[in-house]
Each structure stands twice: as structure tokens, then as C-alpha cells.
Amino acid sequence: MADQKIQMPGVFGGLMRYDSEYTSKFMLSPAAIVAFLVGIIVFVVALKIFFPAFG
């Protein structure tokens, strides 16, 4: 009986099914996302320092 899955109705009332996996084409780690955001922040700050007339 443990290997049988219980099927829920089509409407879950806002609840998610955690037994189904989602696969994406872009698999990024949280560290890569944080590094990307820090890089964007550094880039914007550098632009404001070197080109103050445009910011």
C-alpha cells in the first residue's frame, strides 16, 4: 500500500503537489544568482562614479 499514490482532484485550493518535479532549462544555483546581482550592483555604482552626468 505504501507504493500507491493518492490522486487529488483537479482543484487544489492553492495547494501545490510536491511529489511532481519541475525541470527547467536554466539550472542556476543560488550562489550564482547572488553573484550576478552583486555584479550588476557593482556595474551600476561604477557607472555612477565614472559618468556622474548621466546618473
PDB file of N, CA and C in Angstrom:
ATOM      1  N   MET A   1       0.800  -1.191   0.000  1.00  0.00           N
ATOM      2  CA  MET A   1       0.000   0.000   0.000  1.00  0.00           C
ATOM      3  C   MET A   1       0.842   1.253   0.000  1.00  0.00           C
ATOM      4  N   ALA A   2       2.090   1.171   0.445  1.00  0.00           N
ATOM      5  CA  ALA A   2       2.921   2.362   0.538  1.00  0.00           C
ATOM      6  C   ALA A   2       3.320   2.877  -0.839  1.00  0.00           C
ATOM      7  N   ASP A   3       3.322   2.031  -1.850  1.00  0.00           N
ATOM      8  CA  ASP A   3       3.746   2.475  -3.177  1.00  0.00           C
ATOM      9  C   ASP A   3       2.592   3.079  -3.982  1.00  0.00           C
ATOM     10  N   GLN A   4       1.385   3.075  -3.464  1.00  0.00           N
ATOM     11  CA  GLN A   4       0.249   3.668  -4.165  1.00  0.00           C
ATOM     12  C   GLN A   4       0.158   5.150  -3.816  1.00  0.00           C
ATOM     13  N   LYS A   5      -0.008   5.993  -4.850  1.00  0.00           N
ATOM     14  CA  LYS A   5      -0.157   7.426  -4.625  1.00  0.00           C
ATOM     15  C   LYS A   5      -1.634   7.781  -4.584  1.00  0.00           C
ATOM     16  N   ILE A   6      -1.966   8.720  -3.741  1.00  0.00           N
ATOM     17  CA  ILE A   6      -3.333   9.198  -3.640  1.00  0.00           C
ATOM     18  C   ILE A   6      -3.511  10.302  -4.673  1.00  0.00           C
ATOM     19  N   GLN A   7      -4.495  10.189  -5.528  1.00  0.00           N
ATOM     20  CA  GLN A   7      -4.758  11.193  -6.544  1.00  0.00           C
ATOM     21  C   GLN A   7      -5.755  12.205  -5.991  1.00  0.00           C
ATOM     22  N   MET A   8      -5.366  13.472  -6.059  1.00  0.00           N
ATOM     23  CA  MET A   8      -6.215  14.554  -5.591  1.00  0.00           C
ATOM     24  C   MET A   8      -7.077  15.055  -6.743  1.00  0.00           C
ATOM     25  N   PRO A   9      -8.158  15.733  -6.452  1.00  0.00           N
ATOM     26  CA  PRO A   9      -8.968  16.312  -7.517  1.00  0.00           C
ATOM     27  C   PRO A   9      -8.201  17.410  -8.264  1.00  0.00           C
ATOM     28  N   GLY A  10      -8.742  17.845  -9.401  1.00  0.00           N
ATOM     29  CA  GLY A  10      -8.062  18.821 -10.238  1.00  0.00           C
ATOM     30  C   GLY A  10      -7.886  20.171  -9.588  1.00  0.00           C
ATOM     31  N   VAL A  11      -8.731  20.550  -8.664  1.00  0.00           N
ATOM     32  CA  VAL A  11      -8.624  21.846  -7.992  1.00  0.00           C
ATOM     33  C   VAL A  11      -8.037  21.605  -6.616  1.00  0.00           C
ATOM     34  N   PHE A  12      -6.894  22.246  -6.361  1.00  0.00           N
ATOM     35  CA  PHE A  12      -6.204  22.010  -5.094  1.00  0.00           C
ATOM     36  C   PHE A  12      -6.448  23.124  -4.083  1.00  0.00           C
ATOM     37  N   GLY A  13      -7.154  24.156  -4.441  1.00  0.00           N
ATOM     38  CA  GLY A  13      -7.397  25.238  -3.499  1.00  0.00           C
ATOM     39  C   GLY A  13      -6.142  26.012  -3.158  1.00  0.00           C
ATOM     40  N   GLY A  14      -5.220  26.177  -4.115  1.00  0.00           N
ATOM     41  CA  GLY A  14      -3.990  26.922  -3.878  1.00  0.00           C
ATOM     42  C   GLY A  14      -2.850  26.086  -3.331  1.00  0.00           C
ATOM     43  N   LEU A  15      -3.059  24.800  -3.155  1.00  0.00           N
ATOM     44  CA  LEU A  15      -2.006  23.936  -2.639  1.00  0.00           C
ATOM     45  C   LEU A  15      -1.184  23.356  -3.787  1.00  0.00           C
ATOM     46  N   MET A  16       0.087  23.116  -3.520  1.00  0.00           N
ATOM     47  CA  MET A  16       0.967  22.553  -4.546  1.00  0.00           C
ATOM     48  C   MET A  16       1.189  21.071  -4.280  1.00  0.00           C
ATOM     49  N   ARG A  17       1.442  20.342  -5.342  1.00  0.00           N
ATOM     50  CA  ARG A  17       1.834  18.941  -5.201  1.00  0.00           C
ATOM     51  C   ARG A  17       3.348  18.878  -5.228  1.00  0.00           C
ATOM     52  N   TYR A  18       3.949  18.409  -4.166  1.00  0.00           N
ATOM     53  CA  TYR A  18       5.394  18.393  -4.051  1.00  0.00           C
ATOM     54  C   TYR A  18       6.022  17.115  -4.590  1.00  0.00           C
ATOM     55  N   ASP A  19       5.215  16.124  -4.946  1.00  0.00           N
ATOM     56  CA  ASP A  19       5.796  14.894  -5.460  1.00  0.00           C
ATOM     57  C   ASP A  19       6.120  14.990  -6.948  1.00  0.00           C
ATOM     58  N   SER A  20       5.618  15.998  -7.634  1.00  0.00           N
ATOM     59  CA  SER A  20       5.957  16.177  -9.047  1.00  0.00           C
ATOM     60  C   SER A  20       7.107  17.168  -9.156  1.00  0.00           C
ATOM     61  N   GLU A  21       8.108  16.813  -9.925  1.00  0.00           N
ATOM     62  CA  GLU A  21       9.298  17.643 -10.036  1.00  0.00           C
ATOM     63  C   GLU A  21       9.193  18.562 -11.242  1.00  0.00           C
ATOM     64  N   TYR A  22       9.740  19.753 -11.096  1.00  0.00           N
ATOM     65  CA  TYR A  22       9.790  20.724 -12.175  1.00  0.00           C
ATOM     66  C   TYR A  22      11.217  20.792 -12.681  1.00  0.00           C
ATOM     67  N   THR A  23      11.415  20.612 -13.973  1.00  0.00           N
ATOM     68  CA  THR A  23      12.747  20.726 -14.542  1.00  0.00           C
ATOM     69  C   THR A  23      12.778  21.927 -15.467  1.00  0.00           C
ATOM     70  N   SER A  24      13.828  22.707 -15.346  1.00  0.00           N
ATOM     71  CA  SER A  24      13.976  23.920 -16.135  1.00  0.00           C
ATOM     72  C   SER A  24      15.196  23.796 -17.030  1.00  0.00           C
ATOM     73  N   LYS A  25      15.200  24.568 -18.117  1.00  0.00           N
ATOM     74  CA  LYS A  25      16.370  24.587 -18.997  1.00  0.00           C
ATOM     75  C   LYS A  25      17.535  25.313 -18.341  1.00  0.00           C
ATOM     76  N   PHE A  26      17.226  26.259 -17.461  1.00  0.00           N
ATOM     77  CA  PHE A  26      18.249  27.050 -16.778  1.00  0.00           C
ATOM     78  C   PHE A  26      18.348  26.589 -15.336  1.00  0.00           C
ATOM     79  N   MET A  27      19.397  25.865 -15.036  1.00  0.00           N
ATOM     80  CA  MET A  27      19.615  25.397 -13.677  1.00  0.00           C
ATOM     81  C   MET A  27      20.718  26.258 -13.056  1.00  0.00           C
ATOM     82  N   LEU A  28      20.330  27.225 -12.226  1.00  0.00           N
ATOM     83  CA  LEU A  28      21.269  28.124 -11.585  1.00  0.00           C
ATOM     84  C   LEU A  28      21.236  27.904 -10.081  1.00  0.00           C
ATOM     85  N   SER A  29      22.420  27.954  -9.493  1.00  0.00           N
ATOM     86  CA  SER A  29      22.482  27.828  -8.045  1.00  0.00           C
ATOM     87  C   SER A  29      22.179  29.177  -7.414  1.00  0.00           C
ATOM     88  N   PRO A  30      21.758  29.193  -6.182  1.00  0.00           N
ATOM     89  CA  PRO A  30      21.517  30.473  -5.505  1.00  0.00           C
ATOM     90  C   PRO A  30      22.774  31.337  -5.426  1.00  0.00           C
ATOM     91  N   ALA A  31      23.942  30.719  -5.286  1.00  0.00           N
ATOM     92  CA  ALA A  31      25.190  31.483  -5.235  1.00  0.00           C
ATOM     93  C   ALA A  31      25.456  32.184  -6.565  1.00  0.00           C
ATOM     94  N   ALA A  32      25.119  31.566  -7.678  1.00  0.00           N
ATOM     95  CA  ALA A  32      25.321  32.186  -8.985  1.00  0.00           C
ATOM     96  C   ALA A  32      24.386  33.381  -9.162  1.00  0.00           C
ATOM     97  N   ILE A  33      23.176  33.286  -8.668  1.00  0.00           N
ATOM     98  CA  ILE A  33      22.228  34.396  -8.774  1.00  0.00           C
ATOM     99  C   ILE A  33      22.688  35.563  -7.916  1.00  0.00           C
ATOM    100  N   VAL A  34      23.149  35.292  -6.695  1.00  0.00           N
ATOM    101  CA  VAL A  34      23.645  36.352  -5.819  1.00  0.00           C
ATOM    102  C   VAL A  34      24.866  37.014  -6.443  1.00  0.00           C
ATOM    103  N   ALA A  35      25.785  36.230  -7.014  1.00  0.00           N
ATOM    104  CA  ALA A  35      26.974  36.794  -7.652  1.00  0.00           C
ATOM    105  C   ALA A  35      26.593  37.658  -8.853  1.00  0.00           C
ATOM    106  N   PHE A  36      25.611  37.234  -9.617  1.00  0.00           N
ATOM    107  CA  PHE A  36      25.140  38.024 -10.762  1.00  0.00           C
ATOM    108  C   PHE A  36      24.552  39.350 -10.300  1.00  0.00           C
ATOM    109  N   LEU A  37      23.743  39.330  -9.247  1.00  0.00           N
ATOM    110  CA  LEU A  37      23.150  40.564  -8.738  1.00  0.00           C
ATOM    111  C   LEU A  37      24.201  41.500  -8.159  1.00  0.00           C
ATOM    112  N   VAL A  38      25.183  40.955  -7.456  1.00  0.00           N
ATOM    113  CA  VAL A  38      26.267  41.789  -6.935  1.00  0.00           C
ATOM    114  C   VAL A  38      27.054  42.404  -8.084  1.00  0.00           C
ATOM    115  N   GLY A  39      27.274  41.650  -9.149  1.00  0.00           N
ATOM    116  CA  GLY A  39      27.963  42.190 -10.319  1.00  0.00           C
ATOM    117  C   GLY A  39      27.196  43.330 -10.965  1.00  0.00           C
ATOM    118  N   ILE A  40      25.886  43.215 -11.048  1.00  0.00           N
ATOM    119  CA  ILE A  40      25.071  44.295 -11.610  1.00  0.00           C
ATOM    120  C   ILE A  40      25.151  45.537 -10.728  1.00  0.00           C
ATOM    121  N   ILE A  41      25.094  45.352  -9.411  1.00  0.00           N
ATOM    122  CA  ILE A  41      25.178  46.487  -8.485  1.00  0.00           C
ATOM    123  C   ILE A  41      26.523  47.180  -8.616  1.00  0.00           C
ATOM    124  N   VAL A  42      27.606  46.415  -8.681  1.00  0.00           N
ATOM    125  CA  VAL A  42      28.941  46.998  -8.839  1.00  0.00           C
ATOM    126  C   VAL A  42      29.033  47.734 -10.167  1.00  0.00           C
ATOM    127  N   PHE A  43      28.472  47.192 -11.216  1.00  0.00           N
ATOM    128  CA  PHE A  43      28.498  47.842 -12.525  1.00  0.00           C
ATOM    129  C   PHE A  43      27.758  49.175 -12.501  1.00  0.00           C
ATOM    130  N   VAL A  44      26.579  49.203 -11.877  1.00  0.00           N
ATOM    131  CA  VAL A  44      25.793  50.440 -11.808  1.00  0.00           C
ATOM    132  C   VAL A  44      26.515  51.490 -10.960  1.00  0.00           C
ATOM    133  N   VAL A  45      27.097  51.077  -9.847  1.00  0.00           N
ATOM    134  CA  VAL A  45      27.833  52.024  -9.000  1.00  0.00           C
ATOM    135  C   VAL A  45      29.054  52.559  -9.742  1.00  0.00           C
ATOM    136  N   ALA A  46      29.747  51.705 -10.480  1.00  0.00           N
ATOM    137  CA  ALA A  46      30.907  52.154 -11.255  1.00  0.00           C
ATOM    138  C   ALA A  46      30.484  53.153 -12.330  1.00  0.00           C
ATOM    139  N   LEU A  47      29.361  52.914 -12.980  1.00  0.00           N
ATOM    140  CA  LEU A  47      28.869  53.870 -13.976  1.00  0.00           C
ATOM    141  C   LEU A  47      28.536  55.216 -13.328  1.00  0.00           C
ATOM    142  N   LYS A  48      27.959  55.199 -12.136  1.00  0.00           N
ATOM    143  CA  LYS A  48      27.622  56.449 -11.459  1.00  0.00           C
ATOM    144  C   LYS A  48      28.886  57.197 -11.032  1.00  0.00           C
ATOM    145  N   ILE A  49      29.953  56.486 -10.700  1.00  0.00           N
ATOM    146  CA  ILE A  49      31.200  57.130 -10.279  1.00  0.00           C
ATOM    147  C   ILE A  49      31.920  57.706 -11.495  1.00  0.00           C
ATOM    148  N   PHE A  50      32.046  56.946 -12.572  1.00  0.00           N
ATOM    149  CA  PHE A  50      32.823  57.371 -13.718  1.00  0.00           C
ATOM    150  C   PHE A  50      32.052  58.288 -14.668  1.00  0.00           C
ATOM    151  N   PHE A  51      30.744  58.226 -14.679  1.00  0.00           N
ATOM    152  CA  PHE A  51      29.909  59.067 -15.544  1.00  0.00           C
ATOM    153  C   PHE A  51      28.808  59.716 -14.712  1.00  0.00           C
ATOM    154  N   PRO A  52      29.148  60.670 -13.846  1.00  0.00           N
ATOM    155  CA  PRO A  52      28.133  61.251 -12.955  1.00  0.00           C
ATOM    156  C   PRO A  52      27.094  62.105 -13.676  1.00  0.00           C
ATOM    157  N   ALA A  53      27.395  62.598 -14.874  1.00  0.00           N
ATOM    158  CA  ALA A  53      26.455  63.448 -15.583  1.00  0.00           C
ATOM    159  C   ALA A  53      25.234  62.678 -16.072  1.00  0.00           C
ATOM    160  N   PHE A  54      25.373  61.372 -16.268  1.00  0.00           N
ATOM    161  CA  PHE A  54      24.271  60.560 -16.798  1.00  0.00           C
ATOM    162  C   PHE A  54      23.418  59.952 -15.691  1.00  0.00           C
ATOM    163  N   GLY A  55      23.874  59.966 -14.449  1.00  0.00           N
ATOM    164  CA  GLY A  55      23.135  59.320 -13.388  1.00  0.00           C
ATOM    165  C   GLY A  55      22.384  60.301 -12.616  1.00  0.00           C
TER     166      GLY A  55
END
